[in-house]
N, C-alpha and C. Protein backbone atom coordinates (compact mmCIF):
# COMPACT_ATOMS: atom_id res chain seq x y z
N MET A 1 38.45 -4.38 -3.08
CA MET A 1 37.91 -3.59 -3.24
C MET A 1 37.08 -3.16 -2.93
N ALA A 2 36.85 -1.78 -2.00
CA ALA A 2 35.56 -1.15 -0.93
C ALA A 2 34.05 -1.08 -1.92
N GLN A 3 33.43 -1.20 -0.99
CA GLN A 3 31.80 -1.34 -2.65
C GLN A 3 30.93 -0.88 -0.99
N ALA A 4 30.58 0.40 -1.82
CA ALA A 4 29.17 1.48 -1.15
C ALA A 4 28.45 0.46 -0.84
N LEU A 5 27.85 0.63 0.15
CA LEU A 5 27.07 0.28 0.82
C LEU A 5 25.13 0.73 1.27
N ILE A 6 24.22 1.15 0.41
CA ILE A 6 23.58 1.67 0.01
C ILE A 6 22.54 0.95 1.43
N SER A 7 22.47 0.66 1.68
CA SER A 7 21.17 -0.27 3.05
C SER A 7 22.03 0.11 4.26
N GLY A 8 22.88 0.86 4.11
CA GLY A 8 23.27 0.10 5.78
C GLY A 8 23.75 -0.92 6.27
N THR A 9 23.49 -2.18 5.76
CA THR A 9 23.52 -3.09 6.00
C THR A 9 24.53 -4.26 4.70
N ARG A 10 25.50 -4.94 5.20
CA ARG A 10 26.03 -6.04 4.61
C ARG A 10 25.27 -7.46 4.91
N ASN A 11 25.30 -7.99 4.27
CA ASN A 11 25.24 -8.95 4.33
C ASN A 11 24.61 -9.35 5.72
N GLY A 12 24.13 -8.77 6.10
CA GLY A 12 22.81 -8.87 7.27
C GLY A 12 23.20 -8.51 8.33
N ILE A 13 24.69 -7.54 8.83
CA ILE A 13 25.31 -6.95 9.62
C ILE A 13 24.60 -5.59 10.13
N TYR A 14 24.73 -4.90 10.69
CA TYR A 14 24.79 -3.52 10.97
C TYR A 14 26.23 -2.91 10.88
N MET A 15 26.85 -2.22 9.30
CA MET A 15 27.99 -1.66 9.50
C MET A 15 27.91 -0.30 10.60
N GLY A 16 29.47 -0.39 10.74
CA GLY A 16 28.84 1.40 12.47
C GLY A 16 27.67 0.88 13.28
N MET A 17 27.01 0.16 13.68
CA MET A 17 25.65 0.38 14.02
C MET A 17 25.92 -0.41 15.61
N THR A 18 25.44 -0.19 16.49
CA THR A 18 25.50 -1.72 18.23
C THR A 18 24.14 -1.95 18.19
N ARG A 19 22.71 -1.13 17.45
CA ARG A 19 21.74 -1.52 17.31
C ARG A 19 21.01 -1.41 16.41
N LYS A 20 20.52 -2.45 16.07
CA LYS A 20 18.86 -2.40 14.95
C LYS A 20 18.39 -0.97 15.52
N PRO A 21 18.24 -0.01 13.85
CA PRO A 21 17.76 0.87 13.83
C PRO A 21 15.58 0.51 14.39
N LYS A 22 15.67 1.80 14.82
CA LYS A 22 14.22 1.98 15.82
C LYS A 22 12.94 1.50 14.35
N ALA A 23 11.79 0.47 14.82
CA ALA A 23 11.29 0.43 13.78
C ALA A 23 10.12 2.10 13.45
N VAL A 24 9.56 1.87 12.68
CA VAL A 24 8.71 3.30 12.93
C VAL A 24 7.12 2.37 11.87
N GLY A 25 6.42 3.86 12.45
CA GLY A 25 4.84 3.35 12.00
C GLY A 25 4.13 2.85 12.91
N ARG A 26 2.68 2.84 12.75
CA ARG A 26 1.71 2.53 13.66
C ARG A 26 2.00 0.50 14.34
N PRO A 27 1.55 0.91 15.90
CA PRO A 27 1.99 -0.57 16.19
C PRO A 27 1.19 -1.87 15.93
N LYS A 28 1.26 -2.88 16.17
CA LYS A 28 0.39 -4.15 15.30
C LYS A 28 -1.51 -4.03 15.96
N LYS A 29 -1.83 -4.14 15.67
CA LYS A 29 -2.93 -4.75 15.73
C LYS A 29 -3.12 -5.69 16.43
N ALA A 30 -4.08 -5.98 17.94
CA ALA A 30 -4.45 -7.07 18.98
C ALA A 30 -4.91 -7.99 17.46
N ASP A 31 -4.78 -9.57 18.07
CA ASP A 31 -5.64 -10.54 17.21
C ASP A 31 -7.13 -9.70 16.87
N ASP A 32 -8.22 -9.60 17.99
CA ASP A 32 -9.41 -9.53 17.61
C ASP A 32 -10.24 -8.32 17.57
N GLU A 33 -8.46 -7.15 17.00
CA GLU A 33 -8.70 -5.69 16.18
C GLU A 33 -8.53 -5.86 14.99
N LYS A 34 -8.17 -7.06 14.36
CA LYS A 34 -8.31 -7.62 13.33
C LYS A 34 -9.52 -7.73 12.36
N ARG A 35 -9.10 -7.04 11.19
CA ARG A 35 -10.84 -7.64 10.81
C ARG A 35 -10.27 -8.38 9.23
N SER A 36 -10.81 -10.22 9.25
CA SER A 36 -10.04 -11.01 8.23
C SER A 36 -11.25 -10.84 7.32
N THR A 37 -12.26 -11.31 7.76
CA THR A 37 -13.54 -12.03 7.17
C THR A 37 -13.68 -11.21 6.26
N LEU A 38 -14.13 -11.36 4.62
CA LEU A 38 -14.97 -10.48 3.86
C LEU A 38 -16.05 -10.89 2.94
N ILE A 39 -17.25 -9.98 3.26
CA ILE A 39 -18.35 -10.08 3.46
C ILE A 39 -18.44 -9.21 1.53
N ARG A 40 -18.82 -10.10 1.07
CA ARG A 40 -19.50 -9.73 -0.78
C ARG A 40 -20.22 -9.40 -0.90
N VAL A 41 -21.37 -8.21 -0.79
CA VAL A 41 -22.02 -7.64 -1.55
C VAL A 41 -23.11 -7.51 -2.56
N LEU A 42 -23.87 -7.71 -3.34
CA LEU A 42 -24.06 -7.38 -4.25
C LEU A 42 -25.22 -6.09 -4.52
N VAL A 43 -25.17 -4.86 -4.64
CA VAL A 43 -26.17 -4.14 -4.99
C VAL A 43 -26.23 -3.34 -6.23
N THR A 44 -27.21 -2.65 -7.05
CA THR A 44 -27.27 -2.31 -8.14
C THR A 44 -26.64 -0.90 -8.50
N SER A 45 -26.80 -0.45 -9.57
CA SER A 45 -25.46 0.81 -9.91
C SER A 45 -26.02 2.19 -9.08
N ASP A 46 -27.65 2.36 -8.82
CA ASP A 46 -27.78 3.07 -7.93
C ASP A 46 -28.17 2.75 -6.34
N GLU A 47 -27.80 1.49 -6.00
CA GLU A 47 -27.75 1.68 -4.74
C GLU A 47 -26.39 1.83 -4.47
N HIS A 48 -25.40 1.37 -5.27
CA HIS A 48 -23.80 2.06 -5.21
C HIS A 48 -23.94 3.13 -5.07
N VAL A 49 -24.16 4.07 -5.83
CA VAL A 49 -24.54 5.61 -5.71
C VAL A 49 -24.52 6.22 -4.41
N ARG A 50 -25.84 5.56 -3.86
CA ARG A 50 -26.74 6.52 -2.74
C ARG A 50 -25.79 5.76 -1.37
N PHE A 51 -25.47 5.03 -1.74
CA PHE A 51 -24.57 3.93 -0.30
C PHE A 51 -23.10 4.84 -0.29
N GLN A 52 -22.77 5.11 -1.24
CA GLN A 52 -21.58 6.51 -1.86
C GLN A 52 -21.59 7.57 -1.29
N ALA A 53 -23.09 8.10 -1.49
CA ALA A 53 -22.91 9.87 -1.44
C ALA A 53 -23.46 9.44 0.08
N ALA A 54 -23.25 8.60 1.25
CA ALA A 54 -24.29 9.05 2.64
C ALA A 54 -22.99 8.39 2.62
N ALA A 55 -22.55 7.82 2.17
CA ALA A 55 -20.98 7.92 3.41
C ALA A 55 -20.17 8.19 3.09
N ASP A 56 -20.01 9.56 2.15
CA ASP A 56 -19.29 10.44 2.18
C ASP A 56 -20.76 12.01 2.99
N GLN A 57 -20.85 11.98 2.48
CA GLN A 57 -21.93 12.91 4.04
C GLN A 57 -21.23 12.76 5.64
N ALA A 58 -20.99 11.51 5.67
CA ALA A 58 -20.93 11.04 7.14
C ALA A 58 -19.25 10.87 7.68
N GLY A 59 -18.65 11.73 6.23
CA GLY A 59 -17.46 11.48 6.48
C GLY A 59 -16.59 10.52 6.71
N VAL A 60 -16.70 9.12 6.20
CA VAL A 60 -16.67 7.42 5.94
C VAL A 60 -16.47 7.51 4.34
N SER A 61 -15.56 5.90 5.13
CA SER A 61 -15.00 5.38 3.79
C SER A 61 -16.45 4.40 3.83
N LEU A 62 -16.71 3.75 2.26
CA LEU A 62 -17.82 3.61 1.62
C LEU A 62 -17.43 1.85 3.26
N SER A 63 -16.98 1.16 2.78
CA SER A 63 -16.57 0.02 3.54
C SER A 63 -17.62 0.36 5.40
N THR A 64 -16.30 1.02 5.76
CA THR A 64 -16.56 1.97 7.88
C THR A 64 -18.31 1.68 7.45
N TRP A 65 -19.20 2.63 6.35
CA TRP A 65 -20.20 2.45 6.64
C TRP A 65 -20.68 2.08 6.52
N MET A 66 -21.10 1.30 5.89
CA MET A 66 -21.61 -0.24 5.62
C MET A 66 -21.59 -1.49 7.04
N ARG A 67 -20.54 -1.23 7.94
CA ARG A 67 -19.95 -2.03 8.63
C ARG A 67 -20.86 -1.79 9.52
N LEU A 68 -20.92 -0.29 9.65
CA LEU A 68 -21.58 0.50 10.65
C LEU A 68 -23.38 0.85 10.88
N ARG A 69 -24.05 0.08 9.28
CA ARG A 69 -25.42 0.23 9.34
C ARG A 69 -25.89 -1.16 9.63
N ALA A 70 -24.86 -2.44 8.88
CA ALA A 70 -25.36 -3.18 9.42
C ALA A 70 -25.14 -3.92 10.44
N GLY A 71 -24.18 -3.25 11.35
CA GLY A 71 -23.87 -3.60 12.80
C GLY A 71 -25.80 -2.84 13.54
N ALA A 72 -25.03 -1.86 13.12
CA ALA A 72 -26.92 -0.87 14.05
C ALA A 72 -27.81 -1.73 13.99
N ALA A 73 -28.30 -2.19 12.52
CA ALA A 73 -29.21 -3.09 12.08
C ALA A 73 -29.18 -4.48 12.65
N ALA A 74 -27.97 -5.27 13.28
CA ALA A 74 -28.16 -6.27 13.50
C ALA A 74 -28.30 -6.33 14.85
N LYS A 75 -28.18 -4.74 15.55
CA LYS A 75 -28.46 -4.90 17.55
C LYS A 75 -30.43 -4.82 17.70
N ASN A 76 -30.87 -4.35 16.84
CA ASN A 76 -31.88 -3.75 16.76
C ASN A 76 -32.99 -5.63 17.24
């Protein structure tokens, strides 16, 4: 009995192909570019609104805005 192949594979073997399909998406980041440490900061509701407005005005995410501002302050 023949079975329909939905994904083009059967038991991990590519049917009718000589090579694995090319992967799509962006390349993996180098280890030194990966962000893996989370810093939690508690702020008031008013501070959050102000920070979010500043990030929106700068055209970046709140996380990016906070990282840029903290990085600039740490250089001083």
